[in-house]
Amino acid sequence: MTLIRYNRPNRDLFSKNFSDMMDEFFNDVVNQRNNNFVPSIDISETDNGFEVTAELPGVNKENIDVSLDNGRLTISGERKFEEKEEGKTYHRVETRYGSFNRSFQLPDNVDEDSIDAKYENGLLHISIKKTEDKVKKQIEVK
């Protein structure tokens, strides 16, 4: 039996802008070629900082590396495929395995010494505080 990789159908195309569709298209092409695991990432901003959440189900904490170099945050690691067990035959494998590497340029207003990373229940949470002098301040108009 031949294993066929499952690709999730695209979500609602009308609610996306063109840039998002192109990014998704090219990311899918690259992922299919390399057959790598590419975790989904959410990045949000508050008044005091930034929150980065990466979905890393099945990845051991020891296989995750978070680094910062010249304002560039990099999350990398590997999701390993369990070796075949004797008497076990796979008929379909939809889960992606392999090494991954995601990088994001941080804005100038982050406090690089405040980065905190926690891994829990398959989610990597990274908190980054903004520097005090660059936090948005409301100025009273007189």
N, C-alpha and C. Protein backbone atom coordinates (compact mmCIF):
# COMPACT_ATOMS: atom_id res chain seq x y z
N MET A 1 0.84 -1.18 0.00
CA MET A 1 0.00 0.00 0.00
C MET A 1 0.89 1.24 0.00
N THR A 2 0.55 2.21 -0.80
CA THR A 2 1.30 3.45 -0.90
C THR A 2 0.70 4.49 0.03
N LEU A 3 1.56 5.17 0.77
CA LEU A 3 1.10 6.26 1.65
C LEU A 3 0.98 7.54 0.85
N ILE A 4 -0.11 8.25 1.05
CA ILE A 4 -0.34 9.52 0.36
C ILE A 4 -0.46 10.61 1.41
N ARG A 5 0.32 11.67 1.25
CA ARG A 5 0.29 12.79 2.18
C ARG A 5 -1.04 13.52 2.06
N TYR A 6 -1.66 13.82 3.19
CA TYR A 6 -2.92 14.54 3.24
C TYR A 6 -2.64 16.03 3.34
N ASN A 7 -3.24 16.83 2.48
CA ASN A 7 -3.12 18.28 2.55
C ASN A 7 -4.47 18.84 2.98
N ARG A 8 -4.44 19.63 4.02
CA ARG A 8 -5.69 20.24 4.49
C ARG A 8 -6.26 21.13 3.40
N PRO A 9 -7.57 21.05 3.16
CA PRO A 9 -8.14 21.95 2.16
C PRO A 9 -8.00 23.39 2.62
N ASN A 10 -7.84 24.28 1.64
CA ASN A 10 -7.71 25.70 1.97
C ASN A 10 -8.98 26.19 2.63
N ARG A 11 -8.80 27.09 3.54
CA ARG A 11 -9.93 27.69 4.21
C ARG A 11 -10.60 28.71 3.28
N ASP A 12 -11.53 29.44 3.75
CA ASP A 12 -12.29 30.40 2.95
C ASP A 12 -11.36 31.38 2.24
N LEU A 13 -11.29 31.28 0.92
CA LEU A 13 -10.38 32.13 0.14
C LEU A 13 -10.85 33.58 0.08
N PHE A 14 -12.15 33.81 0.21
CA PHE A 14 -12.66 35.16 0.06
C PHE A 14 -12.36 36.05 1.26
N SER A 15 -12.05 35.45 2.40
CA SER A 15 -11.77 36.24 3.58
C SER A 15 -10.27 36.56 3.72
N LYS A 16 -9.47 36.11 2.77
CA LYS A 16 -8.02 36.35 2.83
C LYS A 16 -7.63 37.44 1.85
N ASN A 17 -6.53 38.12 2.16
CA ASN A 17 -6.05 39.06 1.18
C ASN A 17 -5.07 38.33 0.27
N PHE A 18 -4.72 38.94 -0.83
CA PHE A 18 -3.89 38.29 -1.85
C PHE A 18 -2.54 37.87 -1.30
N SER A 19 -1.93 38.71 -0.50
CA SER A 19 -0.62 38.40 0.08
C SER A 19 -0.67 37.13 0.92
N ASP A 20 -1.71 36.99 1.74
CA ASP A 20 -1.86 35.78 2.56
C ASP A 20 -2.01 34.54 1.70
N MET A 21 -2.79 34.66 0.62
CA MET A 21 -2.97 33.50 -0.27
C MET A 21 -1.65 33.11 -0.93
N MET A 22 -0.87 34.10 -1.36
CA MET A 22 0.42 33.80 -2.00
C MET A 22 1.38 33.18 -1.00
N ASP A 23 1.42 33.72 0.22
CA ASP A 23 2.28 33.15 1.26
C ASP A 23 1.91 31.69 1.52
N GLU A 24 0.62 31.44 1.64
CA GLU A 24 0.16 30.07 1.90
C GLU A 24 0.51 29.14 0.74
N PHE A 25 0.32 29.64 -0.48
CA PHE A 25 0.63 28.82 -1.65
C PHE A 25 2.11 28.43 -1.68
N PHE A 26 2.99 29.43 -1.53
CA PHE A 26 4.41 29.14 -1.61
C PHE A 26 4.90 28.34 -0.41
N ASN A 27 4.33 28.59 0.77
CA ASN A 27 4.69 27.78 1.94
C ASN A 27 4.29 26.33 1.73
N ASP A 28 3.09 26.10 1.16
CA ASP A 28 2.65 24.73 0.90
C ASP A 28 3.55 24.04 -0.11
N VAL A 29 3.96 24.76 -1.16
CA VAL A 29 4.85 24.18 -2.17
C VAL A 29 6.18 23.79 -1.54
N VAL A 30 6.75 24.69 -0.73
CA VAL A 30 8.03 24.40 -0.09
C VAL A 30 7.88 23.24 0.89
N ASN A 31 6.80 23.23 1.65
CA ASN A 31 6.58 22.16 2.63
C ASN A 31 6.43 20.81 1.94
N GLN A 32 5.74 20.78 0.81
CA GLN A 32 5.56 19.52 0.11
C GLN A 32 6.88 19.02 -0.44
N ARG A 33 7.73 19.93 -0.89
CA ARG A 33 9.03 19.53 -1.42
C ARG A 33 9.94 19.00 -0.33
N ASN A 34 10.01 19.71 0.75
CA ASN A 34 10.91 19.33 1.84
C ASN A 34 10.30 18.31 2.77
N ASN A 35 8.97 18.18 2.73
CA ASN A 35 8.26 17.24 3.59
C ASN A 35 8.58 17.49 5.06
N ASN A 36 8.74 18.75 5.43
CA ASN A 36 9.08 19.13 6.80
C ASN A 36 7.84 19.47 7.60
N PHE A 37 8.01 19.40 8.89
CA PHE A 37 6.99 19.84 9.83
C PHE A 37 7.15 21.33 10.01
N VAL A 38 6.11 22.11 9.76
CA VAL A 38 6.14 23.56 9.93
C VAL A 38 5.06 23.94 10.93
N PRO A 39 5.45 24.31 12.15
CA PRO A 39 4.44 24.63 13.16
C PRO A 39 3.72 25.93 12.87
N SER A 40 2.47 26.00 13.29
CA SER A 40 1.69 27.23 13.17
C SER A 40 2.10 28.17 14.29
N ILE A 41 2.18 29.45 13.97
CA ILE A 41 2.64 30.47 14.91
C ILE A 41 1.59 31.58 14.99
N ASP A 42 1.29 32.02 16.21
CA ASP A 42 0.44 33.19 16.44
C ASP A 42 1.29 34.25 17.13
N ILE A 43 1.22 35.50 16.64
CA ILE A 43 1.95 36.60 17.25
C ILE A 43 0.95 37.71 17.56
N SER A 44 0.93 38.15 18.82
CA SER A 44 0.02 39.21 19.21
C SER A 44 0.78 40.27 19.99
N GLU A 45 0.18 41.45 20.07
CA GLU A 45 0.82 42.57 20.76
C GLU A 45 -0.15 43.15 21.77
N THR A 46 0.38 43.50 22.93
CA THR A 46 -0.39 44.21 23.95
C THR A 46 0.28 45.56 24.16
N ASP A 47 -0.22 46.34 25.08
CA ASP A 47 0.39 47.62 25.38
C ASP A 47 1.80 47.45 25.96
N ASN A 48 2.01 46.32 26.65
CA ASN A 48 3.28 46.13 27.36
C ASN A 48 4.25 45.16 26.69
N GLY A 49 3.81 44.44 25.66
CA GLY A 49 4.72 43.48 25.06
C GLY A 49 4.13 42.69 23.92
N PHE A 50 4.84 41.62 23.56
CA PHE A 50 4.44 40.75 22.47
C PHE A 50 4.32 39.32 23.00
N GLU A 51 3.40 38.57 22.42
CA GLU A 51 3.20 37.17 22.78
C GLU A 51 3.33 36.35 21.50
N VAL A 52 4.15 35.32 21.55
CA VAL A 52 4.32 34.40 20.43
C VAL A 52 3.91 33.02 20.93
N THR A 53 3.03 32.36 20.18
CA THR A 53 2.60 31.01 20.53
C THR A 53 2.83 30.11 19.33
N ALA A 54 3.55 29.02 19.55
CA ALA A 54 3.83 28.05 18.49
C ALA A 54 3.18 26.72 18.85
N GLU A 55 2.47 26.13 17.90
CA GLU A 55 1.88 24.82 18.10
C GLU A 55 2.93 23.76 17.78
N LEU A 56 3.33 23.02 18.80
CA LEU A 56 4.36 22.00 18.64
C LEU A 56 3.93 20.66 19.23
N PRO A 57 2.80 20.12 18.78
CA PRO A 57 2.34 18.86 19.36
C PRO A 57 3.31 17.73 19.06
N GLY A 58 3.57 16.93 20.06
CA GLY A 58 4.44 15.77 19.87
C GLY A 58 5.91 16.08 19.86
N VAL A 59 6.29 17.33 20.11
CA VAL A 59 7.70 17.70 20.13
C VAL A 59 8.17 17.71 21.59
N ASN A 60 9.27 17.04 21.84
CA ASN A 60 9.83 17.04 23.19
C ASN A 60 10.47 18.38 23.48
N LYS A 61 10.34 18.81 24.71
CA LYS A 61 10.91 20.09 25.15
C LYS A 61 12.40 20.18 24.83
N GLU A 62 13.10 19.05 24.96
CA GLU A 62 14.54 19.01 24.71
C GLU A 62 14.88 19.24 23.24
N ASN A 63 13.91 19.08 22.35
CA ASN A 63 14.14 19.23 20.91
C ASN A 63 13.73 20.61 20.40
N ILE A 64 13.49 21.56 21.31
CA ILE A 64 13.10 22.92 20.92
C ILE A 64 14.22 23.88 21.28
N ASP A 65 14.55 24.76 20.34
CA ASP A 65 15.57 25.78 20.57
C ASP A 65 14.98 27.14 20.23
N VAL A 66 15.06 28.07 21.19
CA VAL A 66 14.62 29.45 20.98
C VAL A 66 15.85 30.33 21.12
N SER A 67 16.13 31.13 20.09
CA SER A 67 17.32 31.98 20.14
C SER A 67 17.00 33.37 19.61
N LEU A 68 17.85 34.31 19.98
CA LEU A 68 17.72 35.70 19.55
C LEU A 68 19.07 36.16 19.05
N ASP A 69 19.11 36.65 17.81
CA ASP A 69 20.36 37.11 17.22
C ASP A 69 20.07 38.36 16.39
N ASN A 70 20.64 39.48 16.79
CA ASN A 70 20.46 40.76 16.09
C ASN A 70 18.98 41.10 15.89
N GLY A 71 18.18 40.92 16.93
CA GLY A 71 16.78 41.28 16.87
C GLY A 71 15.91 40.28 16.12
N ARG A 72 16.46 39.14 15.77
CA ARG A 72 15.72 38.10 15.05
C ARG A 72 15.46 36.91 15.98
N LEU A 73 14.18 36.66 16.27
CA LEU A 73 13.77 35.55 17.11
C LEU A 73 13.63 34.30 16.24
N THR A 74 14.30 33.22 16.63
CA THR A 74 14.25 31.98 15.87
C THR A 74 13.77 30.85 16.77
N ILE A 75 12.79 30.12 16.28
CA ILE A 75 12.28 28.92 16.95
C ILE A 75 12.60 27.75 16.04
N SER A 76 13.37 26.80 16.54
CA SER A 76 13.73 25.66 15.71
C SER A 76 13.68 24.39 16.55
N GLY A 77 13.70 23.27 15.87
CA GLY A 77 13.68 22.00 16.56
C GLY A 77 13.36 20.87 15.63
N GLU A 78 12.91 19.77 16.22
CA GLU A 78 12.62 18.60 15.40
C GLU A 78 11.49 17.79 16.03
N ARG A 79 10.62 17.33 15.19
CA ARG A 79 9.55 16.41 15.59
C ARG A 79 9.90 15.07 14.96
N LYS A 80 10.25 14.12 15.80
CA LYS A 80 10.77 12.84 15.31
C LYS A 80 9.64 11.83 15.10
N PHE A 81 9.79 11.06 14.05
CA PHE A 81 8.85 9.98 13.75
C PHE A 81 9.26 8.75 14.54
N GLU A 82 8.30 8.16 15.22
CA GLU A 82 8.59 6.95 15.99
C GLU A 82 8.92 5.82 15.03
N GLU A 83 9.95 5.09 15.36
CA GLU A 83 10.34 3.97 14.51
C GLU A 83 9.21 2.96 14.43
N LYS A 84 9.17 2.26 13.32
CA LYS A 84 8.13 1.25 13.13
C LYS A 84 8.24 0.17 14.19
N GLU A 85 7.10 -0.18 14.69
CA GLU A 85 7.04 -1.27 15.66
C GLU A 85 6.76 -2.56 14.90
N GLU A 86 7.30 -3.62 15.38
CA GLU A 86 7.07 -4.91 14.74
C GLU A 86 5.60 -5.27 14.84
N GLY A 87 5.02 -5.69 13.73
CA GLY A 87 3.61 -6.05 13.72
C GLY A 87 2.68 -4.87 13.49
N LYS A 88 3.24 -3.68 13.26
CA LYS A 88 2.42 -2.48 13.06
C LYS A 88 2.64 -1.99 11.63
N THR A 89 1.56 -1.86 10.89
CA THR A 89 1.64 -1.39 9.51
C THR A 89 0.84 -0.10 9.38
N TYR A 90 1.48 0.95 8.90
CA TYR A 90 0.80 2.23 8.69
C TYR A 90 0.10 2.20 7.34
N HIS A 91 -1.15 2.59 7.33
CA HIS A 91 -1.91 2.68 6.08
C HIS A 91 -2.08 4.12 5.64
N ARG A 92 -1.93 5.03 6.57
CA ARG A 92 -2.05 6.45 6.25
C ARG A 92 -1.28 7.24 7.30
N VAL A 93 -0.45 8.17 6.85
CA VAL A 93 0.29 9.05 7.77
C VAL A 93 0.01 10.48 7.34
N GLU A 94 -0.78 11.19 8.14
CA GLU A 94 -1.12 12.57 7.84
C GLU A 94 -0.31 13.54 8.69
N THR A 95 0.33 13.05 9.70
CA THR A 95 1.10 13.89 10.59
C THR A 95 2.46 14.18 9.97
N ARG A 96 2.91 15.42 10.08
CA ARG A 96 4.21 15.80 9.51
C ARG A 96 5.30 15.68 10.57
N TYR A 97 6.44 15.25 10.13
CA TYR A 97 7.59 15.07 10.99
C TYR A 97 8.80 15.72 10.33
N GLY A 98 9.80 15.98 11.13
CA GLY A 98 11.05 16.52 10.61
C GLY A 98 11.49 17.74 11.39
N SER A 99 12.53 18.36 10.88
CA SER A 99 13.05 19.55 11.55
C SER A 99 12.28 20.78 11.07
N PHE A 100 12.27 21.80 11.92
CA PHE A 100 11.59 23.04 11.57
C PHE A 100 12.44 24.22 12.02
N ASN A 101 12.19 25.37 11.40
CA ASN A 101 12.91 26.59 11.72
C ASN A 101 12.03 27.76 11.31
N ARG A 102 11.59 28.55 12.26
CA ARG A 102 10.79 29.74 11.99
C ARG A 102 11.49 30.94 12.60
N SER A 103 11.63 32.02 11.83
CA SER A 103 12.30 33.22 12.31
C SER A 103 11.43 34.45 12.09
N PHE A 104 11.53 35.39 13.03
CA PHE A 104 10.75 36.62 12.97
C PHE A 104 11.62 37.78 13.42
N GLN A 105 11.59 38.86 12.68
CA GLN A 105 12.32 40.07 13.05
C GLN A 105 11.50 40.81 14.10
N LEU A 106 12.11 41.05 15.25
CA LEU A 106 11.41 41.77 16.32
C LEU A 106 11.54 43.27 16.10
N PRO A 107 10.55 44.04 16.53
CA PRO A 107 10.65 45.50 16.41
C PRO A 107 11.71 46.05 17.36
N ASP A 108 12.06 47.31 17.17
CA ASP A 108 13.11 47.94 17.97
C ASP A 108 12.70 48.18 19.42
N ASN A 109 11.41 48.15 19.71
CA ASN A 109 10.97 48.51 21.06
C ASN A 109 10.84 47.31 22.00
N VAL A 110 11.56 46.22 21.76
CA VAL A 110 11.49 45.08 22.67
C VAL A 110 12.67 45.08 23.63
N ASP A 111 12.40 44.58 24.82
CA ASP A 111 13.44 44.41 25.83
C ASP A 111 13.98 42.99 25.67
N GLU A 112 15.12 42.85 25.03
CA GLU A 112 15.67 41.53 24.71
C GLU A 112 15.99 40.71 25.95
N ASP A 113 16.22 41.36 27.07
CA ASP A 113 16.52 40.65 28.32
C ASP A 113 15.27 40.09 29.00
N SER A 114 14.09 40.47 28.52
CA SER A 114 12.85 40.05 29.18
C SER A 114 12.19 38.84 28.53
N ILE A 115 12.81 38.26 27.53
CA ILE A 115 12.19 37.15 26.80
C ILE A 115 12.06 35.94 27.72
N ASP A 116 10.83 35.40 27.76
CA ASP A 116 10.54 34.25 28.61
C ASP A 116 9.82 33.21 27.75
N ALA A 117 10.28 31.95 27.79
CA ALA A 117 9.66 30.89 26.99
C ALA A 117 9.21 29.75 27.91
N LYS A 118 7.97 29.29 27.69
CA LYS A 118 7.42 28.17 28.46
C LYS A 118 6.77 27.20 27.48
N TYR A 119 6.97 25.92 27.73
CA TYR A 119 6.39 24.88 26.88
C TYR A 119 5.45 24.03 27.71
N GLU A 120 4.18 23.98 27.28
CA GLU A 120 3.18 23.25 28.05
C GLU A 120 2.09 22.73 27.13
N ASN A 121 1.79 21.45 27.25
CA ASN A 121 0.71 20.81 26.48
C ASN A 121 0.83 21.02 24.98
N GLY A 122 2.05 20.95 24.46
CA GLY A 122 2.25 21.07 23.02
C GLY A 122 2.28 22.49 22.49
N LEU A 123 2.22 23.48 23.39
CA LEU A 123 2.27 24.88 22.97
C LEU A 123 3.48 25.56 23.58
N LEU A 124 4.23 26.25 22.74
CA LEU A 124 5.36 27.05 23.20
C LEU A 124 4.88 28.49 23.30
N HIS A 125 4.95 29.06 24.51
CA HIS A 125 4.54 30.45 24.75
C HIS A 125 5.79 31.29 24.99
N ILE A 126 5.96 32.32 24.19
CA ILE A 126 7.10 33.23 24.35
C ILE A 126 6.54 34.62 24.64
N SER A 127 6.99 35.20 25.76
CA SER A 127 6.58 36.55 26.14
C SER A 127 7.77 37.48 25.99
N ILE A 128 7.53 38.62 25.37
CA ILE A 128 8.59 39.61 25.18
C ILE A 128 8.04 40.96 25.59
N LYS A 129 8.68 41.57 26.58
CA LYS A 129 8.22 42.88 27.05
C LYS A 129 8.78 43.99 26.17
N LYS A 130 8.04 45.09 26.12
CA LYS A 130 8.51 46.28 25.42
C LYS A 130 9.40 47.06 26.37
N THR A 131 10.32 47.84 25.81
CA THR A 131 11.17 48.68 26.66
C THR A 131 10.33 49.83 27.19
N GLU A 132 10.66 50.25 28.40
CA GLU A 132 9.88 51.29 29.08
C GLU A 132 9.85 52.59 28.29
N ASP A 133 10.97 52.98 27.72
CA ASP A 133 11.01 54.27 27.05
C ASP A 133 10.30 54.26 25.70
N LYS A 134 9.97 53.08 25.19
CA LYS A 134 9.31 53.02 23.89
C LYS A 134 7.89 52.50 23.96
N VAL A 135 7.37 52.33 25.17
CA VAL A 135 5.97 51.91 25.33
C VAL A 135 5.09 53.11 24.97
N LYS A 136 4.03 52.84 24.26
CA LYS A 136 3.13 53.91 23.83
C LYS A 136 2.56 54.62 25.05
N LYS A 137 2.69 55.93 25.07
CA LYS A 137 2.17 56.72 26.18
C LYS A 137 1.14 57.70 25.65
N GLN A 138 0.11 57.85 26.43
CA GLN A 138 -0.93 58.82 26.08
C GLN A 138 -0.49 60.20 26.56
N ILE A 139 -0.57 61.17 25.69
CA ILE A 139 -0.17 62.53 26.05
C ILE A 139 -1.42 63.40 26.11
N GLU A 140 -1.54 64.06 27.20
CA GLU A 140 -2.69 64.91 27.42
C GLU A 140 -2.56 66.19 26.58
N VAL A 141 -3.62 66.53 25.89
CA VAL A 141 -3.64 67.75 25.10
C VAL A 141 -4.18 68.88 25.98
N LYS A 142 -3.42 69.96 26.08
CA LYS A 142 -3.81 71.08 26.94
C LYS A 142 -4.35 72.22 26.15
